[in-house]
Amino acid sequence: MQPASIVVKAGRPVRLNFTRREASTCGEEVVIPAFGKRAHLPENQTVTVEVKPETPGEYEFTCGMSMYRGKLVAQ
């Protein structure tokens, strides 16, 4: 996932835009466990996921198979 790290302000809503650029089934879904979010990612379409990291910290996001990884860093 690119970028692998996204820095945001804690306590503010964040819109993350995901676009799957490959046909691999591994990338068909994004999962953000700390926020209970999952979204299907159709190939070459942008999907927006909204979250609000209330406290500073690192929040991981992965593909549905946990092979692709990234993190949201709230400061």
C-alpha atoms as a PDB file:
ATOM      1  CA  MET A   1       0.000   0.000   0.000  1.00  0.00           C
ATOM      2  CA  GLN A   2       1.311   3.398  -0.867  1.00  0.00           C
ATOM      3  CA  PRO A   3       1.950   5.506   1.002  1.00  0.00           C
ATOM      4  CA  ALA A   4       2.666   3.035   3.772  1.00  0.00           C
ATOM      5  CA  SER A   5       2.415   5.712   6.470  1.00  0.00           C
ATOM      6  CA  ILE A   6      -0.052   8.615   6.646  1.00  0.00           C
ATOM      7  CA  VAL A   7       0.294  11.298   9.337  1.00  0.00           C
ATOM      8  CA  VAL A   8      -2.894  13.018  10.572  1.00  0.00           C
ATOM      9  CA  LYS A   9      -4.088  15.079  13.544  1.00  0.00           C
ATOM     10  CA  ALA A  10      -5.674  13.155  16.418  1.00  0.00           C
ATOM     11  CA  GLY A  11      -9.285  14.040  17.205  1.00  0.00           C
ATOM     12  CA  ARG A  12     -10.151  15.061  13.644  1.00  0.00           C
ATOM     13  CA  PRO A  13     -12.095  13.119  11.013  1.00  0.00           C
ATOM     14  CA  VAL A  14      -9.936  11.691   8.230  1.00  0.00           C
ATOM     15  CA  ARG A  15     -10.952  10.567   4.738  1.00  0.00           C
ATOM     16  CA  LEU A  16      -8.684   7.885   3.324  1.00  0.00           C
ATOM     17  CA  ASN A  17      -8.933   7.275  -0.429  1.00  0.00           C
ATOM     18  CA  PHE A  18      -7.918   3.812  -1.609  1.00  0.00           C
ATOM     19  CA  THR A  19      -7.471   2.857  -5.270  1.00  0.00           C
ATOM     20  CA  ARG A  20      -6.606  -0.731  -6.197  1.00  0.00           C
ATOM     21  CA  ARG A  21      -4.386  -0.703  -9.289  1.00  0.00           C
ATOM     22  CA  GLU A  22      -3.892  -4.441  -9.762  1.00  0.00           C
ATOM     23  CA  ALA A  23      -6.081  -7.453 -10.441  1.00  0.00           C
ATOM     24  CA  SER A  24      -4.720  -9.472  -7.504  1.00  0.00           C
ATOM     25  CA  THR A  25      -7.530 -10.702  -5.264  1.00  0.00           C
ATOM     26  CA  CYS A  26      -5.415  -9.931  -2.194  1.00  0.00           C
ATOM     27  CA  GLY A  27      -6.062  -6.221  -2.679  1.00  0.00           C
ATOM     28  CA  GLU A  28      -9.844  -6.519  -3.061  1.00  0.00           C
ATOM     29  CA  GLU A  29     -10.476  -5.303   0.466  1.00  0.00           C
ATOM     30  CA  VAL A  30      -9.022  -2.829   2.957  1.00  0.00           C
ATOM     31  CA  VAL A  31      -9.402  -3.489   6.686  1.00  0.00           C
ATOM     32  CA  ILE A  32      -8.868  -0.942   9.474  1.00  0.00           C
ATOM     33  CA  PRO A  33      -9.406  -3.007  12.641  1.00  0.00           C
ATOM     34  CA  ALA A  34      -9.103  -0.213  15.224  1.00  0.00           C
ATOM     35  CA  PHE A  35     -12.155   1.476  13.714  1.00  0.00           C
ATOM     36  CA  GLY A  36     -14.108  -1.663  12.781  1.00  0.00           C
ATOM     37  CA  LYS A  37     -13.933  -0.657   9.099  1.00  0.00           C
ATOM     38  CA  ARG A  38     -13.781  -2.843   5.989  1.00  0.00           C
ATOM     39  CA  ALA A  39     -14.292  -1.768   2.402  1.00  0.00           C
ATOM     40  CA  HIS A  40     -14.394  -3.604  -0.915  1.00  0.00           C
ATOM     41  CA  LEU A  41     -11.955  -2.117  -3.448  1.00  0.00           C
ATOM     42  CA  PRO A  42     -13.026  -2.586  -7.070  1.00  0.00           C
ATOM     43  CA  GLU A  43     -10.087  -2.449  -9.477  1.00  0.00           C
ATOM     44  CA  ASN A  44      -9.202   1.087 -10.682  1.00  0.00           C
ATOM     45  CA  GLN A  45     -11.928   2.773  -8.619  1.00  0.00           C
ATOM     46  CA  THR A  46     -11.350   5.059  -5.655  1.00  0.00           C
ATOM     47  CA  VAL A  47     -13.124   4.121  -2.428  1.00  0.00           C
ATOM     48  CA  THR A  48     -13.218   6.557   0.494  1.00  0.00           C
ATOM     49  CA  VAL A  49     -13.142   5.325   4.087  1.00  0.00           C
ATOM     50  CA  GLU A  50     -13.748   7.805   6.906  1.00  0.00           C
ATOM     51  CA  VAL A  51     -12.263   7.357  10.383  1.00  0.00           C
ATOM     52  CA  LYS A  52     -11.635   9.554  13.417  1.00  0.00           C
ATOM     53  CA  PRO A  53      -8.537   8.687  15.458  1.00  0.00           C
ATOM     54  CA  GLU A  54      -9.515  10.173  18.824  1.00  0.00           C
ATOM     55  CA  THR A  55      -6.125   9.714  20.477  1.00  0.00           C
ATOM     56  CA  PRO A  56      -2.531   9.916  19.243  1.00  0.00           C
ATOM     57  CA  GLY A  57      -1.092   6.597  18.116  1.00  0.00           C
ATOM     58  CA  GLU A  58      -0.570   4.274  15.180  1.00  0.00           C
ATOM     59  CA  TYR A  59      -3.523   2.557  13.525  1.00  0.00           C
ATOM     60  CA  GLU A  60      -2.768  -0.255  11.093  1.00  0.00           C
ATOM     61  CA  PHE A  61      -4.645  -0.914   7.868  1.00  0.00           C
ATOM     62  CA  THR A  62      -4.210  -4.017   5.731  1.00  0.00           C
ATOM     63  CA  CYS A  63      -5.607  -5.837   2.736  1.00  0.00           C
ATOM     64  CA  GLY A  64      -8.129  -8.581   3.474  1.00  0.00           C
ATOM     65  CA  MET A  65      -5.343 -11.195   3.664  1.00  0.00           C
ATOM     66  CA  SER A  66      -3.020  -8.979   5.768  1.00  0.00           C
ATOM     67  CA  MET A  67      -0.285  -9.138   3.128  1.00  0.00           C
ATOM     68  CA  TYR A  68      -0.339  -5.440   2.220  1.00  0.00           C
ATOM     69  CA  ARG A  69       0.066  -3.142   5.215  1.00  0.00           C
ATOM     70  CA  GLY A  70       0.068   0.525   6.059  1.00  0.00           C
ATOM     71  CA  LYS A  71      -0.530   2.733   9.071  1.00  0.00           C
ATOM     72  CA  LEU A  72      -2.288   5.902  10.027  1.00  0.00           C
ATOM     73  CA  VAL A  73      -0.170   7.909  12.483  1.00  0.00           C
ATOM     74  CA  ALA A  74      -2.280  10.282  14.587  1.00  0.00           C
ATOM     75  CA  GLN A  75      -0.370  13.057  16.351  1.00  0.00           C
END
